[in-house]
Amino acid sequence: MSYGTPHPPGHPGCCDTDAIDALHCKAQGIQRRAEVTHESLTTLEAFRTAFGTAKRDYGRARDTAARDAKAAEDQLKAIREQLRCRLEEEQRDCAERSEQKVYARIEECVGEPGCREFPCDFTTEGHEDDPAAKLDGLIAHYRGEVALASAYFQELQKEQTDLPQRAARLKADAAQLAADTADPNRSPLELYVRLLVLDRQVKGVWHGFTGVQEYVDCLCRTLVYILRGWEAVATLEGWRAVRVCKDQGREEQCKQLREHTVDEVMAEVAKCSDDCGPHQGPSGPYSPKHC
């Protein structure tokens, strides 16, 4: 095996193998980032299309639901007047306090109605040189946040079909309550509790959205959040690929040094010239005083 440098004496430079390895790892990062970006497009393109028609579709759903909700509301007003004289004031007060307590507990479980807020800001600054294990944890966290937001976006989409159906059920429930109220054998207290629950459901039929624009704004904020999340994930995945590549390169280099130590030492001997070429001196091309 020859260990001499391929450059002639006085050659201005020599091959930088570290630069080759660095470029290879950088390419790995770019490729991984592109793969994650392509992965995100499967979700984002569908969401973008849905957002484009959301204002029209939700507006139609809301108009349909409004008619049934108003019918249910009018029905409940009439039922309330019928039940008022069939219960003592203390009974009504007790039923109302009890209903409020139960709904307070329900709110603790499901949260307040309206647009959901997502707290993650998807920070990537300062993480480029993190170890692969730390990047793994951050990537998993961000992917989890993106998954939650994506599920919520789909939940918002479903409102366009769920809202009219929900309002129609409330109208039917109000009609059933009116029929049951006409039955003298029914418990007035139970009927009043049903009235309170149904009245709250009718008032909450919009799930916290006071109008079409508020709903569309919520959909938009959620989509932007998802976009930022995917962007951060793609960036971190790219950095992780670079880190893994560099770690593997170091491992391979260490293995080469251990298993081929003589070859590596002779390769270093061949570099013992200031200009990366053989030094011509009194002791020949590899003068000890230059090694």
C-alpha atoms as a PDB file:
ATOM      1  CA  MET A   1       0.000   0.000   0.000  1.00  0.00           C
ATOM      2  CA  SER A   2       1.287   3.476  -0.844  1.00  0.00           C
ATOM      3  CA  TYR A   3       0.959   6.187   1.798  1.00  0.00           C
ATOM      4  CA  GLY A   4       2.426   9.066  -0.199  1.00  0.00           C
ATOM      5  CA  THR A   5       0.387  12.141  -0.942  1.00  0.00           C
ATOM      6  CA  PRO A   6      -0.953  12.309  -4.518  1.00  0.00           C
ATOM      7  CA  HIS A   7      -0.005  15.969  -4.763  1.00  0.00           C
ATOM      8  CA  PRO A   8       3.307  17.018  -6.327  1.00  0.00           C
ATOM      9  CA  PRO A   9       5.727  19.071  -4.240  1.00  0.00           C
ATOM     10  CA  GLY A  10       4.470  22.589  -3.635  1.00  0.00           C
ATOM     11  CA  HIS A  11       0.821  21.754  -4.285  1.00  0.00           C
ATOM     12  CA  PRO A  12      -1.256  24.627  -2.821  1.00  0.00           C
ATOM     13  CA  GLY A  13      -3.715  22.443  -0.960  1.00  0.00           C
ATOM     14  CA  CYS A  14      -4.931  18.955  -0.184  1.00  0.00           C
ATOM     15  CA  CYS A  15      -8.311  17.165  -0.043  1.00  0.00           C
ATOM     16  CA  ASP A  16     -10.464  18.031   2.970  1.00  0.00           C
ATOM     17  CA  THR A  17     -12.292  14.786   3.792  1.00  0.00           C
ATOM     18  CA  ASP A  18     -14.038  16.427   6.754  1.00  0.00           C
ATOM     19  CA  ALA A  19     -15.722  18.836   4.355  1.00  0.00           C
ATOM     20  CA  ILE A  20     -16.943  15.899   2.267  1.00  0.00           C
ATOM     21  CA  ASP A  21     -18.433  14.236   5.344  1.00  0.00           C
ATOM     22  CA  ALA A  22     -20.053  17.497   6.438  1.00  0.00           C
ATOM     23  CA  LEU A  23     -21.613  17.991   3.017  1.00  0.00           C
ATOM     24  CA  HIS A  24     -22.934  14.428   3.049  1.00  0.00           C
ATOM     25  CA  CYS A  25     -24.582  14.973   6.436  1.00  0.00           C
ATOM     26  CA  LYS A  26     -26.029  18.295   5.323  1.00  0.00           C
ATOM     27  CA  ALA A  27     -27.572  16.532   2.329  1.00  0.00           C
ATOM     28  CA  GLN A  28     -29.088  13.949   4.684  1.00  0.00           C
ATOM     29  CA  GLY A  29     -30.714  16.769   6.646  1.00  0.00           C
ATOM     30  CA  ILE A  30     -32.117  18.417   3.516  1.00  0.00           C
ATOM     31  CA  GLN A  31     -33.535  15.102   2.326  1.00  0.00           C
ATOM     32  CA  ARG A  32     -35.192  14.377   5.674  1.00  0.00           C
ATOM     33  CA  ARG A  33     -36.703  17.832   5.848  1.00  0.00           C
ATOM     34  CA  ALA A  34     -38.144  17.354   2.361  1.00  0.00           C
ATOM     35  CA  GLU A  35     -39.626  13.989   3.394  1.00  0.00           C
ATOM     36  CA  VAL A  36     -41.390  15.509   6.409  1.00  0.00           C
ATOM     37  CA  THR A  37     -42.651  18.420   4.326  1.00  0.00           C
ATOM     38  CA  HIS A  38     -44.126  15.935   1.851  1.00  0.00           C
ATOM     39  CA  GLU A  39     -45.671  14.013   4.765  1.00  0.00           C
ATOM     40  CA  SER A  40     -47.359  17.189   6.015  1.00  0.00           C
ATOM     41  CA  LEU A  41     -48.872  17.985   2.622  1.00  0.00           C
ATOM     42  CA  THR A  42     -51.225  15.004   2.893  1.00  0.00           C
ATOM     43  CA  THR A  43     -52.968  16.731   5.797  1.00  0.00           C
ATOM     44  CA  LEU A  44     -52.427  20.360   4.927  1.00  0.00           C
ATOM     45  CA  GLU A  45     -53.777  20.235   1.384  1.00  0.00           C
ATOM     46  CA  ALA A  46     -57.046  18.683   2.562  1.00  0.00           C
ATOM     47  CA  PHE A  47     -57.364  21.228   5.377  1.00  0.00           C
ATOM     48  CA  ARG A  48     -56.601  24.110   3.042  1.00  0.00           C
ATOM     49  CA  THR A  49     -59.338  22.959   0.655  1.00  0.00           C
ATOM     50  CA  ALA A  50     -61.823  22.625   3.521  1.00  0.00           C
ATOM     51  CA  PHE A  51     -60.984  26.088   4.799  1.00  0.00           C
ATOM     52  CA  GLY A  52     -61.653  27.550   1.365  1.00  0.00           C
ATOM     53  CA  THR A  53     -65.351  26.612   1.534  1.00  0.00           C
ATOM     54  CA  ALA A  54     -65.820  26.828   5.320  1.00  0.00           C
ATOM     55  CA  LYS A  55     -67.486  30.245   5.446  1.00  0.00           C
ATOM     56  CA  ARG A  56     -70.120  29.271   2.880  1.00  0.00           C
ATOM     57  CA  ASP A  57     -70.748  25.770   4.263  1.00  0.00           C
ATOM     58  CA  TYR A  58     -70.923  26.801   7.914  1.00  0.00           C
ATOM     59  CA  GLY A  59     -73.132  29.762   7.046  1.00  0.00           C
ATOM     60  CA  ARG A  60     -75.650  27.461   5.404  1.00  0.00           C
ATOM     61  CA  ALA A  61     -75.520  25.055   8.336  1.00  0.00           C
ATOM     62  CA  ARG A  62     -76.085  27.897  10.776  1.00  0.00           C
ATOM     63  CA  ASP A  63     -79.086  29.220   8.858  1.00  0.00           C
ATOM     64  CA  THR A  64     -80.685  25.762   8.931  1.00  0.00           C
ATOM     65  CA  ALA A  65     -79.934  25.274  12.608  1.00  0.00           C
ATOM     66  CA  ALA A  66     -81.244  28.719  13.536  1.00  0.00           C
ATOM     67  CA  ARG A  67     -84.780  27.836  12.425  1.00  0.00           C
ATOM     68  CA  ASP A  68     -84.939  24.678  14.517  1.00  0.00           C
ATOM     69  CA  ALA A  69     -83.268  26.320  17.505  1.00  0.00           C
ATOM     70  CA  LYS A  70     -85.806  29.141  17.442  1.00  0.00           C
ATOM     71  CA  ALA A  71     -88.673  26.646  17.268  1.00  0.00           C
ATOM     72  CA  ALA A  72     -87.257  24.766  20.249  1.00  0.00           C
ATOM     73  CA  GLU A  73     -86.765  27.994  22.193  1.00  0.00           C
ATOM     74  CA  ASP A  74     -90.372  29.092  21.616  1.00  0.00           C
ATOM     75  CA  GLN A  75     -91.625  25.657  22.653  1.00  0.00           C
ATOM     76  CA  LEU A  76     -89.641  25.783  25.899  1.00  0.00           C
ATOM     77  CA  LYS A  77     -91.009  29.213  26.799  1.00  0.00           C
ATOM     78  CA  ALA A  78     -94.537  27.864  26.593  1.00  0.00           C
ATOM     79  CA  ILE A  79     -93.620  24.791  28.678  1.00  0.00           C
ATOM     80  CA  ARG A  80     -92.008  26.952  31.348  1.00  0.00           C
ATOM     81  CA  GLU A  81     -95.264  28.886  31.817  1.00  0.00           C
ATOM     82  CA  GLN A  82     -97.222  25.647  32.130  1.00  0.00           C
ATOM     83  CA  LEU A  83     -94.875  24.228  34.781  1.00  0.00           C
ATOM     84  CA  ARG A  84     -94.496  27.423  36.789  1.00  0.00           C
ATOM     85  CA  CYS A  85     -97.787  26.987  38.602  1.00  0.00           C
ATOM     86  CA  ARG A  86     -97.294  23.243  39.177  1.00  0.00           C
ATOM     87  CA  LEU A  87     -94.190  23.677  41.357  1.00  0.00           C
ATOM     88  CA  GLU A  88     -93.455  25.529  44.553  1.00  0.00           C
ATOM     89  CA  GLU A  89     -90.868  28.321  44.273  1.00  0.00           C
ATOM     90  CA  GLU A  90     -88.502  26.403  46.576  1.00  0.00           C
ATOM     91  CA  GLN A  91     -88.696  23.387  44.287  1.00  0.00           C
ATOM     92  CA  ARG A  92     -87.825  25.507  41.244  1.00  0.00           C
ATOM     93  CA  ASP A  93     -84.926  27.178  43.059  1.00  0.00           C
ATOM     94  CA  CYS A  94     -83.537  23.828  44.190  1.00  0.00           C
ATOM     95  CA  ALA A  95     -83.777  22.393  40.680  1.00  0.00           C
ATOM     96  CA  GLU A  96     -82.043  25.438  39.189  1.00  0.00           C
ATOM     97  CA  ARG A  97     -79.179  25.363  41.721  1.00  0.00           C
ATOM     98  CA  SER A  98     -78.711  21.645  41.141  1.00  0.00           C
ATOM     99  CA  GLU A  99     -78.637  22.085  37.368  1.00  0.00           C
ATOM    100  CA  GLN A 100     -76.015  24.845  37.687  1.00  0.00           C
ATOM    101  CA  LYS A 101     -73.797  22.649  39.892  1.00  0.00           C
ATOM    102  CA  VAL A 102     -73.896  19.765  37.447  1.00  0.00           C
ATOM    103  CA  TYR A 103     -73.059  21.985  34.474  1.00  0.00           C
ATOM    104  CA  ALA A 104     -70.196  23.554  36.391  1.00  0.00           C
ATOM    105  CA  ARG A 105     -68.721  20.075  36.750  1.00  0.00           C
ATOM    106  CA  ILE A 106     -69.357  19.361  33.070  1.00  0.00           C
ATOM    107  CA  GLU A 107     -67.481  22.540  32.156  1.00  0.00           C
ATOM    108  CA  GLU A 108     -64.536  21.367  34.247  1.00  0.00           C
ATOM    109  CA  CYS A 109     -64.451  18.213  32.150  1.00  0.00           C
ATOM    110  CA  VAL A 110     -64.847  19.656  28.663  1.00  0.00           C
ATOM    111  CA  GLY A 111     -63.729  23.259  29.108  1.00  0.00           C
ATOM    112  CA  GLU A 112     -65.504  26.427  28.122  1.00  0.00           C
ATOM    113  CA  PRO A 113     -67.263  26.574  24.742  1.00  0.00           C
ATOM    114  CA  GLY A 114     -65.705  28.490  21.878  1.00  0.00           C
ATOM    115  CA  CYS A 115     -62.427  28.316  20.026  1.00  0.00           C
ATOM    116  CA  ARG A 116     -59.775  26.164  21.640  1.00  0.00           C
ATOM    117  CA  GLU A 117     -56.422  27.799  22.347  1.00  0.00           C
ATOM    118  CA  PHE A 118     -53.143  25.965  21.777  1.00  0.00           C
ATOM    119  CA  PRO A 119     -50.216  27.185  23.917  1.00  0.00           C
ATOM    120  CA  CYS A 120     -47.218  25.680  22.089  1.00  0.00           C
ATOM    121  CA  ASP A 121     -45.085  28.209  20.157  1.00  0.00           C
ATOM    122  CA  PHE A 122     -42.985  25.573  18.307  1.00  0.00           C
ATOM    123  CA  THR A 123     -39.624  27.125  19.156  1.00  0.00           C
ATOM    124  CA  THR A 124     -36.651  25.758  17.201  1.00  0.00           C
ATOM    125  CA  GLU A 125     -34.081  28.436  18.014  1.00  0.00           C
ATOM    126  CA  GLY A 126     -31.103  27.106  19.931  1.00  0.00           C
ATOM    127  CA  HIS A 127     -31.814  23.434  19.216  1.00  0.00           C
ATOM    128  CA  GLU A 128     -29.772  22.904  16.042  1.00  0.00           C
ATOM    129  CA  ASP A 129     -26.815  21.374  17.904  1.00  0.00           C
ATOM    130  CA  ASP A 130     -28.872  19.375  20.417  1.00  0.00           C
ATOM    131  CA  PRO A 131     -28.113  15.657  20.821  1.00  0.00           C
ATOM    132  CA  ALA A 132     -30.322  13.323  18.817  1.00  0.00           C
ATOM    133  CA  ALA A 133     -32.111  12.082  21.954  1.00  0.00           C
ATOM    134  CA  LYS A 134     -33.120  15.611  22.952  1.00  0.00           C
ATOM    135  CA  LEU A 135     -34.311  16.354  19.417  1.00  0.00           C
ATOM    136  CA  ASP A 136     -36.340  13.125  19.513  1.00  0.00           C
ATOM    137  CA  GLY A 137     -38.200  14.360  22.577  1.00  0.00           C
ATOM    138  CA  LEU A 138     -38.920  17.775  21.106  1.00  0.00           C
ATOM    139  CA  ILE A 139     -40.038  16.290  17.791  1.00  0.00           C
ATOM    140  CA  ALA A 140     -42.393  13.894  19.585  1.00  0.00           C
ATOM    141  CA  HIS A 141     -43.863  16.775  21.612  1.00  0.00           C
ATOM    142  CA  TYR A 142     -44.415  18.954  18.548  1.00  0.00           C
ATOM    143  CA  ARG A 143     -45.892  16.092  16.545  1.00  0.00           C
ATOM    144  CA  GLY A 144     -48.274  15.449  19.420  1.00  0.00           C
ATOM    145  CA  GLU A 145     -49.378  19.086  19.435  1.00  0.00           C
ATOM    146  CA  VAL A 146     -49.893  19.006  15.671  1.00  0.00           C
ATOM    147  CA  ALA A 147     -51.974  15.834  15.987  1.00  0.00           C
ATOM    148  CA  LEU A 148     -54.216  17.438  18.646  1.00  0.00           C
ATOM    149  CA  ALA A 149     -54.700  20.560  16.545  1.00  0.00           C
ATOM    150  CA  SER A 150     -55.420  18.485  13.436  1.00  0.00           C
ATOM    151  CA  ALA A 151     -58.071  16.502  15.307  1.00  0.00           C
ATOM    152  CA  TYR A 152     -59.625  19.765  16.497  1.00  0.00           C
ATOM    153  CA  PHE A 153     -59.631  21.146  12.948  1.00  0.00           C
ATOM    154  CA  GLN A 154     -61.547  18.064  11.834  1.00  0.00           C
ATOM    155  CA  GLU A 155     -63.918  18.529  14.758  1.00  0.00           C
ATOM    156  CA  LEU A 156     -64.569  22.082  13.601  1.00  0.00           C
ATOM    157  CA  GLN A 157     -65.197  20.801  10.073  1.00  0.00           C
ATOM    158  CA  LYS A 158     -67.817  18.390  11.402  1.00  0.00           C
ATOM    159  CA  GLU A 159     -69.753  21.323  12.839  1.00  0.00           C
ATOM    160  CA  GLN A 160     -70.956  22.026   9.311  1.00  0.00           C
ATOM    161  CA  THR A 161     -72.977  18.799   9.409  1.00  0.00           C
ATOM    162  CA  ASP A 162     -73.348  18.316  13.175  1.00  0.00           C
ATOM    163  CA  LEU A 163     -74.884  21.727  13.907  1.00  0.00           C
ATOM    164  CA  PRO A 164     -78.088  21.294  11.855  1.00  0.00           C
ATOM    165  CA  GLN A 165     -78.522  17.753  13.180  1.00  0.00           C
ATOM    166  CA  ARG A 166     -78.022  18.933  16.757  1.00  0.00           C
ATOM    167  CA  ALA A 167     -80.591  21.696  16.376  1.00  0.00           C
ATOM    168  CA  ALA A 168     -83.090  19.289  14.794  1.00  0.00           C
ATOM    169  CA  ARG A 169     -82.727  16.906  17.762  1.00  0.00           C
ATOM    170  CA  LEU A 170     -83.309  19.752  20.214  1.00  0.00           C
ATOM    171  CA  LYS A 171     -86.480  20.745  18.361  1.00  0.00           C
ATOM    172  CA  ALA A 172     -87.711  17.133  18.567  1.00  0.00           C
ATOM    173  CA  ASP A 173     -86.794  16.929  22.273  1.00  0.00           C
ATOM    174  CA  ALA A 174     -88.720  20.124  22.970  1.00  0.00           C
ATOM    175  CA  ALA A 175     -91.768  18.712  21.196  1.00  0.00           C
ATOM    176  CA  GLN A 176     -91.501  15.521  23.246  1.00  0.00           C
ATOM    177  CA  LEU A 177     -91.232  17.522  26.460  1.00  0.00           C
ATOM    178  CA  ALA A 178     -94.361  19.458  25.499  1.00  0.00           C
ATOM    179  CA  ALA A 179     -96.235  16.181  24.988  1.00  0.00           C
ATOM    180  CA  ASP A 180     -95.008  14.811  28.321  1.00  0.00           C
ATOM    181  CA  THR A 181     -95.973  18.040  30.106  1.00  0.00           C
ATOM    182  CA  ALA A 182     -99.561  17.517  28.952  1.00  0.00           C
ATOM    183  CA  ASP A 183     -99.602  14.153  30.767  1.00  0.00           C
ATOM    184  CA  PRO A 184    -100.989  14.702  34.321  1.00  0.00           C
ATOM    185  CA  ASN A 185     -99.230  11.579  35.563  1.00  0.00           C
ATOM    186  CA  ARG A 186     -95.746  12.998  34.919  1.00  0.00           C
ATOM    187  CA  SER A 187     -93.692  14.399  37.779  1.00  0.00           C
ATOM    188  CA  PRO A 188     -93.676  18.215  37.535  1.00  0.00           C
ATOM    189  CA  LEU A 189     -90.212  18.348  39.156  1.00  0.00           C
ATOM    190  CA  GLU A 190     -88.697  15.938  36.635  1.00  0.00           C
ATOM    191  CA  LEU A 191     -90.327  17.851  33.792  1.00  0.00           C
ATOM    192  CA  TYR A 192     -88.874  21.095  35.111  1.00  0.00           C
ATOM    193  CA  VAL A 193     -85.384  19.597  35.344  1.00  0.00           C
ATOM    194  CA  ARG A 194     -85.704  18.371  31.761  1.00  0.00           C
ATOM    195  CA  LEU A 195     -86.793  21.877  30.802  1.00  0.00           C
ATOM    196  CA  LEU A 196     -83.715  23.434  32.450  1.00  0.00           C
ATOM    197  CA  VAL A 197     -81.313  20.998  30.771  1.00  0.00           C
ATOM    198  CA  LEU A 198     -82.935  21.357  27.373  1.00  0.00           C
ATOM    199  CA  ASP A 199     -83.002  25.144  27.668  1.00  0.00           C
ATOM    200  CA  ARG A 200     -79.251  25.206  28.342  1.00  0.00           C
ATOM    201  CA  GLN A 201     -78.637  22.882  25.399  1.00  0.00           C
ATOM    202  CA  VAL A 202     -80.624  25.135  23.084  1.00  0.00           C
ATOM    203  CA  LYS A 203     -78.687  28.196  24.247  1.00  0.00           C
ATOM    204  CA  GLY A 204     -75.427  26.291  23.743  1.00  0.00           C
ATOM    205  CA  VAL A 205     -76.310  24.820  20.367  1.00  0.00           C
ATOM    206  CA  TRP A 206     -73.666  27.040  18.688  1.00  0.00           C
ATOM    207  CA  HIS A 207     -70.864  25.601  20.848  1.00  0.00           C
ATOM    208  CA  GLY A 208     -69.682  29.068  21.758  1.00  0.00           C
ATOM    209  CA  PHE A 209     -69.506  30.558  18.267  1.00  0.00           C
ATOM    210  CA  THR A 210     -71.633  33.701  18.131  1.00  0.00           C
ATOM    211  CA  GLY A 211     -71.446  33.998  14.353  1.00  0.00           C
ATOM    212  CA  VAL A 212     -69.986  32.684  11.117  1.00  0.00           C
ATOM    213  CA  GLN A 213     -66.906  34.911  11.182  1.00  0.00           C
ATOM    214  CA  GLU A 214     -65.940  33.817  14.672  1.00  0.00           C
ATOM    215  CA  TYR A 215     -66.077  30.200  13.550  1.00  0.00           C
ATOM    216  CA  VAL A 216     -64.017  30.906  10.416  1.00  0.00           C
ATOM    217  CA  ASP A 217     -61.427  32.823  12.462  1.00  0.00           C
ATOM    218  CA  CYS A 218     -61.095  29.847  14.792  1.00  0.00           C
ATOM    219  CA  LEU A 219     -60.640  27.512  11.843  1.00  0.00           C
ATOM    220  CA  CYS A 220     -58.006  29.846  10.402  1.00  0.00           C
ATOM    221  CA  ARG A 221     -56.020  30.145  13.662  1.00  0.00           C
ATOM    222  CA  THR A 222     -56.049  26.381  14.065  1.00  0.00           C
ATOM    223  CA  LEU A 223     -54.802  25.844  10.516  1.00  0.00           C
ATOM    224  CA  VAL A 224     -51.987  28.388  10.951  1.00  0.00           C
ATOM    225  CA  TYR A 225     -51.012  26.654  14.183  1.00  0.00           C
ATOM    226  CA  ILE A 226     -50.835  23.318  12.369  1.00  0.00           C
ATOM    227  CA  LEU A 227     -48.733  24.858   9.585  1.00  0.00           C
ATOM    228  CA  ARG A 228     -46.251  26.299  12.085  1.00  0.00           C
ATOM    229  CA  GLY A 229     -46.092  22.990  13.871  1.00  0.00           C
ATOM    230  CA  TRP A 230     -45.250  21.068  10.712  1.00  0.00           C
ATOM    231  CA  GLU A 231     -42.644  23.673   9.779  1.00  0.00           C
ATOM    232  CA  ALA A 232     -40.952  23.246  13.155  1.00  0.00           C
ATOM    233  CA  VAL A 233     -41.115  19.448  12.927  1.00  0.00           C
ATOM    234  CA  ALA A 234     -39.541  19.493   9.461  1.00  0.00           C
ATOM    235  CA  THR A 235     -36.737  21.744  10.701  1.00  0.00           C
ATOM    236  CA  LEU A 236     -36.034  19.589  13.751  1.00  0.00           C
ATOM    237  CA  GLU A 237     -36.213  16.364  11.746  1.00  0.00           C
ATOM    238  CA  GLY A 238     -33.638  17.819   9.337  1.00  0.00           C
ATOM    239  CA  TRP A 239     -31.320  18.754  12.191  1.00  0.00           C
ATOM    240  CA  ARG A 240     -31.779  15.353  13.739  1.00  0.00           C
ATOM    241  CA  ALA A 241     -30.791  13.650  10.469  1.00  0.00           C
ATOM    242  CA  VAL A 242     -27.613  15.747  10.375  1.00  0.00           C
ATOM    243  CA  ARG A 243     -26.837  14.910  14.000  1.00  0.00           C
ATOM    244  CA  VAL A 244     -27.377  11.181  13.468  1.00  0.00           C
ATOM    245  CA  CYS A 245     -25.214  11.267  10.328  1.00  0.00           C
ATOM    246  CA  LYS A 246     -22.396  13.018  12.193  1.00  0.00           C
ATOM    247  CA  ASP A 247     -22.645  10.615  15.133  1.00  0.00           C
ATOM    248  CA  GLN A 248     -22.491   7.629  12.804  1.00  0.00           C
ATOM    249  CA  GLY A 249     -19.523   9.178  10.982  1.00  0.00           C
ATOM    250  CA  ARG A 250     -17.628   9.567  14.238  1.00  0.00           C
ATOM    251  CA  GLU A 251     -18.391   5.989  15.191  1.00  0.00           C
ATOM    252  CA  GLU A 252     -17.159   4.740  11.835  1.00  0.00           C
ATOM    253  CA  GLN A 253     -14.052   6.890  12.090  1.00  0.00           C
ATOM    254  CA  CYS A 254     -13.281   5.556  15.547  1.00  0.00           C
ATOM    255  CA  LYS A 255     -13.729   1.999  14.300  1.00  0.00           C
ATOM    256  CA  GLN A 256     -11.375   2.696  11.380  1.00  0.00           C
ATOM    257  CA  LEU A 257      -8.746   4.144  13.730  1.00  0.00           C
ATOM    258  CA  ARG A 258      -8.945   1.170  16.066  1.00  0.00           C
ATOM    259  CA  GLU A 259      -8.944  -1.555  13.417  1.00  0.00           C
ATOM    260  CA  HIS A 260      -6.449   0.003  10.972  1.00  0.00           C
ATOM    261  CA  THR A 261      -4.186   1.956  13.264  1.00  0.00           C
ATOM    262  CA  VAL A 262      -0.968   1.412  11.272  1.00  0.00           C
ATOM    263  CA  ASP A 263      -2.590   2.563   8.033  1.00  0.00           C
ATOM    264  CA  GLU A 264      -3.958   5.659   9.738  1.00  0.00           C
ATOM    265  CA  VAL A 265      -0.586   6.547  11.283  1.00  0.00           C
ATOM    266  CA  MET A 266       1.161   6.159   7.904  1.00  0.00           C
ATOM    267  CA  ALA A 267      -1.513   8.339   6.298  1.00  0.00           C
ATOM    268  CA  GLU A 268      -0.732  11.048   8.842  1.00  0.00           C
ATOM    269  CA  VAL A 269       3.004  10.678   8.179  1.00  0.00           C
ATOM    270  CA  ALA A 270       2.325  11.366   4.500  1.00  0.00           C
ATOM    271  CA  LYS A 271       0.783  14.721   5.456  1.00  0.00           C
ATOM    272  CA  CYS A 272       3.865  16.027   7.288  1.00  0.00           C
ATOM    273  CA  SER A 273       4.523  18.934   4.939  1.00  0.00           C
ATOM    274  CA  ASP A 274       3.391  22.503   5.336  1.00  0.00           C
ATOM    275  CA  ASP A 275       2.099  22.593   1.764  1.00  0.00           C
ATOM    276  CA  CYS A 276       0.451  19.142   1.824  1.00  0.00           C
ATOM    277  CA  GLY A 277       3.145  17.811  -0.514  1.00  0.00           C
ATOM    278  CA  PRO A 278       6.410  15.868   0.143  1.00  0.00           C
ATOM    279  CA  HIS A 279       9.064  18.104   1.694  1.00  0.00           C
ATOM    280  CA  GLN A 280      12.350  18.055  -0.151  1.00  0.00           C
ATOM    281  CA  GLY A 281      15.145  18.369   2.382  1.00  0.00           C
ATOM    282  CA  PRO A 282      18.515  16.894   3.234  1.00  0.00           C
ATOM    283  CA  SER A 283      16.900  13.785   4.604  1.00  0.00           C
ATOM    284  CA  GLY A 284      14.689  13.118   1.572  1.00  0.00           C
ATOM    285  CA  PRO A 285      10.960  13.660   0.964  1.00  0.00           C
ATOM    286  CA  TYR A 286       9.899  12.627   4.505  1.00  0.00           C
ATOM    287  CA  SER A 287      12.485  14.359   6.624  1.00  0.00           C
ATOM    288  CA  PRO A 288      11.978  13.478  10.304  1.00  0.00           C
ATOM    289  CA  LYS A 289      12.367  17.081  11.361  1.00  0.00           C
ATOM    290  CA  HIS A 290       9.200  17.935   9.428  1.00  0.00           C
ATOM    291  CA  CYS A 291       7.124  15.050  10.818  1.00  0.00           C
END
